[in-house]
Amino acid sequence: MLEHEPFAPSKARHEARPVLATWGLTEDQIYDTLLVISELVTNAVTHAAPPVTLHLYAAAEDCGRVQVHVSDGGPQADPTAWAATRPDDEHGRGATIVSALAHGAGIVGDGDTVIDHWADLDAA
């Protein structure tokens, strides 16, 4: 579980890097995975209610994928939160970055409480 704060993406990357290295990912694969983690955690902290939780899964060897899951507590109650008041050129690229790096990405949840944002990346 991550603190619902601006430093959460950095902490998530810091915790994930050694795990990804242990799984045998190359530096390029680690970089891409950390970038996706950063984007998903940033989105959760910026737009969603706590808690924010990061889960990493290594798929079977024959599949060669890493799954990143970031769960949050659903939409923030205050639609005028900080991110909503920022100019358009300061946000809005995270989904494009995740889509460019991941083989698949999506959202699972009821839209009101816990929402799980996921992405599959190469690990082989």
Protein backbone atom coordinates (compact mmCIF):
# COMPACT_ATOMS: atom_id res chain seq x y z
CA MET A 1 0.00 0.00 0.00
CA LEU A 2 1.26 3.47 -0.88
CA GLU A 3 0.66 6.75 0.88
CA HIS A 4 -1.79 8.97 -0.98
CA GLU A 5 0.77 11.72 -1.57
CA PRO A 6 2.81 13.31 -4.36
CA PHE A 7 5.85 11.12 -3.57
CA ALA A 8 3.92 7.86 -4.08
CA PRO A 9 5.10 7.33 -7.70
CA SER A 10 8.74 7.70 -6.66
CA LYS A 11 8.30 5.31 -3.74
CA ALA A 12 6.54 2.79 -5.99
CA ARG A 13 9.42 2.89 -8.51
CA HIS A 14 11.96 2.54 -5.69
CA GLU A 15 10.21 -0.55 -4.32
CA ALA A 16 9.55 -2.13 -7.73
CA ARG A 17 13.03 -1.82 -9.28
CA PRO A 18 14.74 -4.58 -7.25
CA VAL A 19 11.79 -6.92 -7.76
CA LEU A 20 11.89 -6.44 -11.52
CA ALA A 21 15.67 -6.95 -11.56
CA THR A 22 15.28 -10.18 -9.57
CA TRP A 23 12.81 -11.39 -12.21
CA GLY A 24 15.54 -10.98 -14.85
CA LEU A 25 14.17 -8.03 -16.81
CA THR A 26 16.64 -6.07 -18.92
CA GLU A 27 17.35 -2.44 -18.06
CA ASP A 28 15.10 -1.32 -20.94
CA GLN A 29 12.26 -3.55 -19.70
CA ILE A 30 12.74 -2.27 -16.15
CA TYR A 31 12.67 1.33 -17.40
CA ASP A 32 9.46 0.78 -19.37
CA THR A 33 7.79 -1.02 -16.46
CA LEU A 34 8.81 1.69 -14.00
CA LEU A 35 7.42 4.34 -16.34
CA VAL A 36 4.08 2.51 -16.49
CA ILE A 37 4.07 2.13 -12.71
CA SER A 38 4.77 5.84 -12.34
CA GLU A 39 1.93 6.80 -14.68
CA LEU A 40 -0.63 4.50 -13.03
CA VAL A 41 0.30 5.54 -9.49
CA THR A 42 0.33 9.22 -10.44
CA ASN A 43 -3.16 8.83 -11.90
CA ALA A 44 -4.40 7.13 -8.74
CA VAL A 45 -2.95 9.76 -6.41
CA THR A 46 -4.11 12.64 -8.59
CA HIS A 47 -7.62 11.52 -9.50
CA ALA A 48 -8.72 8.85 -7.02
CA ALA A 49 -9.41 8.36 -3.36
CA PRO A 50 -7.14 6.27 -1.13
CA PRO A 51 -6.01 3.60 -0.68
CA VAL A 52 -3.47 3.20 -3.49
CA THR A 53 -1.96 -0.26 -3.81
CA LEU A 54 0.68 -1.55 -6.26
CA HIS A 55 0.80 -5.23 -7.22
CA LEU A 56 3.35 -6.78 -9.57
CA TYR A 57 2.95 -10.22 -11.11
CA ALA A 58 5.40 -12.23 -13.18
CA ALA A 59 3.62 -14.39 -15.71
CA ALA A 60 4.72 -17.94 -16.46
CA GLU A 61 8.05 -18.28 -18.27
CA ASP A 62 6.44 -19.24 -21.57
CA CYS A 63 4.34 -16.07 -21.52
CA GLY A 64 7.17 -13.67 -20.61
CA ARG A 65 5.00 -10.88 -19.25
CA VAL A 66 4.88 -8.68 -16.19
CA GLN A 67 1.55 -7.41 -14.99
CA VAL A 68 1.32 -4.10 -13.16
CA HIS A 69 -1.82 -3.47 -11.13
CA VAL A 70 -2.56 -0.24 -9.29
CA SER A 71 -5.74 -0.25 -7.23
CA ASP A 72 -7.35 2.87 -5.83
CA GLY A 73 -10.40 3.81 -3.83
CA GLY A 74 -12.48 5.12 -6.72
CA PRO A 75 -13.09 8.68 -7.91
CA GLN A 76 -12.27 11.56 -5.61
CA ALA A 77 -15.29 13.18 -4.02
CA ASP A 78 -14.06 16.65 -4.98
CA PRO A 79 -14.20 17.16 -8.78
CA THR A 80 -12.37 20.48 -8.37
CA ALA A 81 -9.27 18.77 -7.00
CA TRP A 82 -5.83 19.98 -8.01
CA ALA A 83 -5.54 17.96 -11.23
CA ALA A 84 -8.89 19.17 -12.56
CA THR A 85 -7.74 22.77 -12.25
CA ARG A 86 -4.45 22.34 -14.14
CA PRO A 87 -4.04 23.52 -17.75
CA ASP A 88 -4.53 20.80 -20.36
CA ASP A 89 -0.86 20.88 -21.40
CA GLU A 90 0.17 19.80 -17.87
CA HIS A 91 -1.64 16.47 -17.82
CA GLY A 92 -3.46 13.91 -19.90
CA ARG A 93 -0.63 11.92 -21.48
CA GLY A 94 -0.45 9.01 -19.04
CA ALA A 95 -2.89 6.74 -20.87
CA THR A 96 -1.04 7.33 -24.15
CA ILE A 97 2.29 6.42 -22.53
CA VAL A 98 0.87 3.27 -20.94
CA SER A 99 -0.75 2.21 -24.23
CA ALA A 100 2.51 2.74 -26.12
CA LEU A 101 4.55 0.59 -23.72
CA ALA A 102 2.08 -2.13 -22.74
CA HIS A 103 0.67 -5.02 -24.76
CA GLY A 104 -2.63 -4.53 -23.01
CA ALA A 105 -4.09 -2.24 -20.40
CA GLY A 106 -7.43 -1.70 -18.80
CA ILE A 107 -9.56 -0.96 -15.80
CA VAL A 108 -11.56 -3.37 -13.65
CA GLY A 109 -13.98 -2.23 -10.98
CA ASP A 110 -17.42 -0.95 -10.27
CA GLY A 111 -16.46 2.70 -10.74
CA ASP A 112 -17.42 3.65 -7.20
CA THR A 113 -15.08 1.90 -4.78
CA VAL A 114 -11.96 -0.09 -5.56
CA ILE A 115 -10.76 0.31 -9.12
CA ASP A 116 -7.86 -1.72 -10.54
CA HIS A 117 -5.82 -0.24 -13.38
CA TRP A 118 -3.62 -2.86 -15.05
CA ALA A 119 -1.02 -3.16 -17.80
CA ASP A 120 0.88 -6.13 -19.31
CA LEU A 121 4.48 -5.61 -20.39
CA ASP A 122 7.23 -7.78 -21.89
CA ALA A 123 9.49 -9.61 -19.47
CA ALA A 124 11.30 -11.90 -21.89
